[in-house]
Amino acid sequence: MESSHVVAARPAHLPQFTLRLSSTRNGARLARRLVEQQLASWGMPYDTEVSHAAAVVTAELAANAVTHGRLPGRDFRLSLLRLPDVIRIEVTDPRPERVPPDAPLTGCCPIEAQSGRGLLLVAAYAERWGCEAQDVCTKTVWAEIACQGRFRGTAPSTR
C-alpha cells in the first residue's frame, strides 16, 4: 500500500462514472451503493472481493468527505474509473486545506473509539491511495483497488 500526492491523468477512452452527491450521511451511503451498482454493470458482480473492497473504500472516502471536507451548500464528487488492472475511486470535496496524513498512523485510535480508522481500511484494501489539492477550491482523495481482469466479459470498451 502506498500513499502518493499525484493524481494520474484520466484516459478519456476508458469506462468511467462521475456523480455529485450531497455532503450528508445519505450522500455517503448512496456513494457506496452506486459504486457496487456501477461495478456490477461493468461485469464485476456484487459478491466479489473487488466489489466488496471498492464498496468499503468508497464508504470511507465518502464519509471523510462528509465529515472533514464538508462546506455548507457544497456537494462532493464521486468518480469511478475502470482501468485495465485497477478500479480507481476518487472523492473530491471543497476543503483543500484539510488533507489527510500521508499514511494512516497505526495504533492512533483506541479500539473503543467511534471513528478514526477509515484511512487504515483504505490502506488495507487499496493497492495505492493518495490525495491531491488540484486548485484552491477542492481536493481529491483517491484509491486504486486491484482487479487484474476479474471483470466478466470483454476488456474495457474504447467508447
Protein backbone atom coordinates (compact mmCIF):
# COMPACT_ATOMS: atom_id res chain seq x y z
CA MET A 1 0.00 0.00 0.00
CA GLU A 2 1.39 3.35 -0.96
CA SER A 3 0.30 6.90 -0.40
CA SER A 4 1.06 9.50 -3.01
CA HIS A 5 0.15 13.07 -3.84
CA VAL A 6 -0.13 12.58 -7.59
CA VAL A 7 -3.44 12.02 -9.34
CA ALA A 8 -2.97 10.30 -12.69
CA ALA A 9 -4.45 11.78 -15.84
CA ARG A 10 -7.80 10.23 -16.81
CA PRO A 11 -7.79 8.38 -20.11
CA ALA A 12 -10.95 9.55 -21.87
CA HIS A 13 -11.48 6.24 -23.68
CA LEU A 14 -11.84 4.08 -20.54
CA PRO A 15 -15.15 3.46 -18.76
CA GLN A 16 -15.82 5.98 -16.02
CA PHE A 17 -18.65 7.12 -13.80
CA THR A 18 -18.87 10.54 -12.12
CA LEU A 19 -21.64 11.99 -9.97
CA ARG A 20 -22.11 14.83 -7.49
CA LEU A 21 -23.71 13.82 -4.20
CA SER A 22 -24.94 15.79 -1.22
CA SER A 23 -22.44 16.19 1.62
CA THR A 24 -24.65 14.26 4.01
CA ARG A 25 -24.63 10.81 5.57
CA ASN A 26 -27.22 9.79 2.98
CA GLY A 27 -24.94 11.02 0.19
CA ALA A 28 -22.06 8.95 1.57
CA ARG A 29 -24.26 5.86 1.89
CA LEU A 30 -25.53 6.35 -1.67
CA ALA A 31 -21.93 6.62 -2.96
CA ARG A 32 -21.17 3.11 -1.70
CA ARG A 33 -24.28 1.63 -3.30
CA LEU A 34 -23.68 3.40 -6.61
CA VAL A 35 -20.14 2.04 -6.81
CA GLU A 36 -21.41 -1.52 -6.26
CA GLN A 37 -24.10 -0.99 -8.89
CA GLN A 38 -21.68 0.53 -11.42
CA LEU A 39 -19.16 -2.27 -10.95
CA ALA A 40 -21.94 -4.82 -11.48
CA SER A 41 -22.92 -3.06 -14.71
CA TRP A 42 -19.27 -3.31 -15.81
CA GLY A 43 -19.27 -7.07 -15.13
CA MET A 44 -17.98 -7.20 -11.54
CA PRO A 45 -20.69 -8.99 -9.52
CA TYR A 46 -21.74 -7.74 -6.09
CA ASP A 47 -20.40 -10.77 -4.25
CA THR A 48 -16.75 -10.47 -5.39
CA GLU A 49 -13.79 -9.40 -3.27
CA VAL A 50 -13.11 -6.48 -5.61
CA SER A 51 -16.68 -5.18 -5.34
CA HIS A 52 -16.57 -5.50 -1.55
CA ALA A 53 -13.19 -3.73 -1.33
CA ALA A 54 -14.38 -0.91 -3.62
CA ALA A 55 -17.55 -0.51 -1.54
CA VAL A 56 -15.61 -0.28 1.74
CA VAL A 57 -13.07 2.17 0.32
CA THR A 58 -15.83 4.31 -1.21
CA ALA A 59 -17.73 4.35 2.08
CA GLU A 60 -14.64 5.52 3.98
CA LEU A 61 -13.62 8.18 1.45
CA ALA A 62 -17.19 9.50 1.18
CA ALA A 63 -17.60 9.51 4.98
CA ASN A 64 -14.37 11.51 5.28
CA ALA A 65 -15.57 13.97 2.64
CA VAL A 66 -18.84 14.45 4.51
CA THR A 67 -17.20 14.63 7.95
CA HIS A 68 -13.97 16.53 7.29
CA GLY A 69 -14.42 18.07 3.84
CA ARG A 70 -17.91 19.49 4.07
CA LEU A 71 -18.83 23.10 3.46
CA PRO A 72 -22.49 24.15 3.78
CA GLY A 73 -24.20 24.14 0.41
CA ARG A 74 -21.37 22.28 -1.37
CA ASP A 75 -21.58 18.71 -2.67
CA PHE A 76 -18.82 16.14 -3.01
CA ARG A 77 -17.99 14.37 -6.27
CA LEU A 78 -17.60 10.62 -6.67
CA SER A 79 -15.68 9.29 -9.66
CA LEU A 80 -15.05 5.69 -10.60
CA LEU A 81 -12.63 4.78 -13.37
CA ARG A 82 -12.16 1.30 -14.79
CA LEU A 83 -8.53 0.84 -15.75
CA PRO A 84 -7.17 -2.46 -17.13
CA ASP A 85 -5.90 -3.80 -13.77
CA VAL A 86 -7.41 -1.46 -11.17
CA ILE A 87 -10.59 0.33 -10.22
CA ARG A 88 -9.80 3.92 -9.30
CA ILE A 89 -12.14 5.60 -6.82
CA GLU A 90 -11.92 9.37 -6.41
CA VAL A 91 -13.80 11.53 -3.93
CA THR A 92 -13.48 15.29 -4.33
CA ASP A 93 -14.59 17.75 -1.65
CA PRO A 94 -14.40 21.54 -1.19
CA ARG A 95 -11.80 21.59 1.62
CA PRO A 96 -8.28 21.52 0.08
CA GLU A 97 -6.75 22.69 3.37
CA ARG A 98 -7.98 19.52 5.15
CA VAL A 99 -5.56 16.98 3.63
CA PRO A 100 -5.33 13.51 5.19
CA PRO A 101 -1.96 12.36 6.55
CA ASP A 102 0.42 10.70 4.07
CA ALA A 103 -0.09 7.38 5.81
CA PRO A 104 -2.55 6.40 8.49
CA LEU A 105 -0.88 6.03 11.84
CA THR A 106 -1.10 2.55 13.26
CA GLY A 107 -2.24 2.45 16.84
CA CYS A 108 -3.61 6.00 16.60
CA CYS A 109 -7.14 5.09 17.58
CA PRO A 110 -8.20 3.24 20.69
CA ILE A 111 -10.31 0.17 19.96
CA GLU A 112 -13.30 1.77 21.67
CA ALA A 113 -13.08 4.95 19.54
CA GLN A 114 -16.13 5.58 17.33
CA SER A 115 -14.05 6.99 14.47
CA GLY A 116 -10.52 7.43 13.18
CA ARG A 117 -9.85 4.13 11.43
CA GLY A 118 -11.12 4.98 7.95
CA LEU A 119 -7.75 5.54 6.31
CA LEU A 120 -6.45 2.32 7.86
CA LEU A 121 -9.22 0.50 5.99
CA VAL A 122 -8.45 2.39 2.78
CA ALA A 123 -4.76 1.47 3.09
CA ALA A 124 -5.64 -2.18 3.79
CA TYR A 125 -7.91 -2.58 0.76
CA ALA A 126 -6.16 -0.35 -1.77
CA GLU A 127 -3.07 -1.04 -3.83
CA ARG A 128 -2.32 2.68 -3.71
CA TRP A 129 -4.06 5.74 -2.39
CA GLY A 130 -3.31 9.42 -2.15
CA CYS A 131 -4.57 12.96 -2.13
CA GLU A 132 -4.15 16.00 -4.30
CA ALA A 133 -5.40 19.55 -3.97
CA GLN A 134 -5.59 20.47 -7.65
CA ASP A 135 -6.83 24.00 -7.06
CA VAL A 136 -7.68 26.38 -4.22
CA CYS A 137 -11.28 25.15 -4.05
CA THR A 138 -11.08 21.32 -3.96
CA LYS A 139 -9.07 18.28 -3.03
CA THR A 140 -9.37 14.74 -4.35
CA VAL A 141 -8.64 11.67 -2.26
CA TRP A 142 -8.25 8.59 -4.43
CA ALA A 143 -7.63 4.87 -4.07
CA GLU A 144 -6.94 2.09 -6.53
CA ILE A 145 -8.30 -1.43 -5.99
CA ALA A 146 -6.56 -4.23 -7.89
CA CYS A 147 -8.88 -6.22 -10.15
CA GLN A 148 -6.46 -7.91 -12.63
CA GLY A 149 -9.01 -8.56 -15.35
CA ARG A 150 -11.64 -10.02 -13.00
CA PHE A 151 -14.50 -8.44 -14.94
CA ARG A 152 -16.85 -10.77 -16.75
CA GLY A 153 -16.97 -10.29 -20.46
CA THR A 154 -14.51 -8.34 -22.53
CA ALA A 155 -11.81 -5.83 -21.77
CA PRO A 156 -12.83 -2.21 -21.15
CA SER A 157 -14.51 -0.74 -24.19
CA THR A 158 -12.92 2.10 -26.08
CA ARG A 159 -16.19 4.03 -26.36
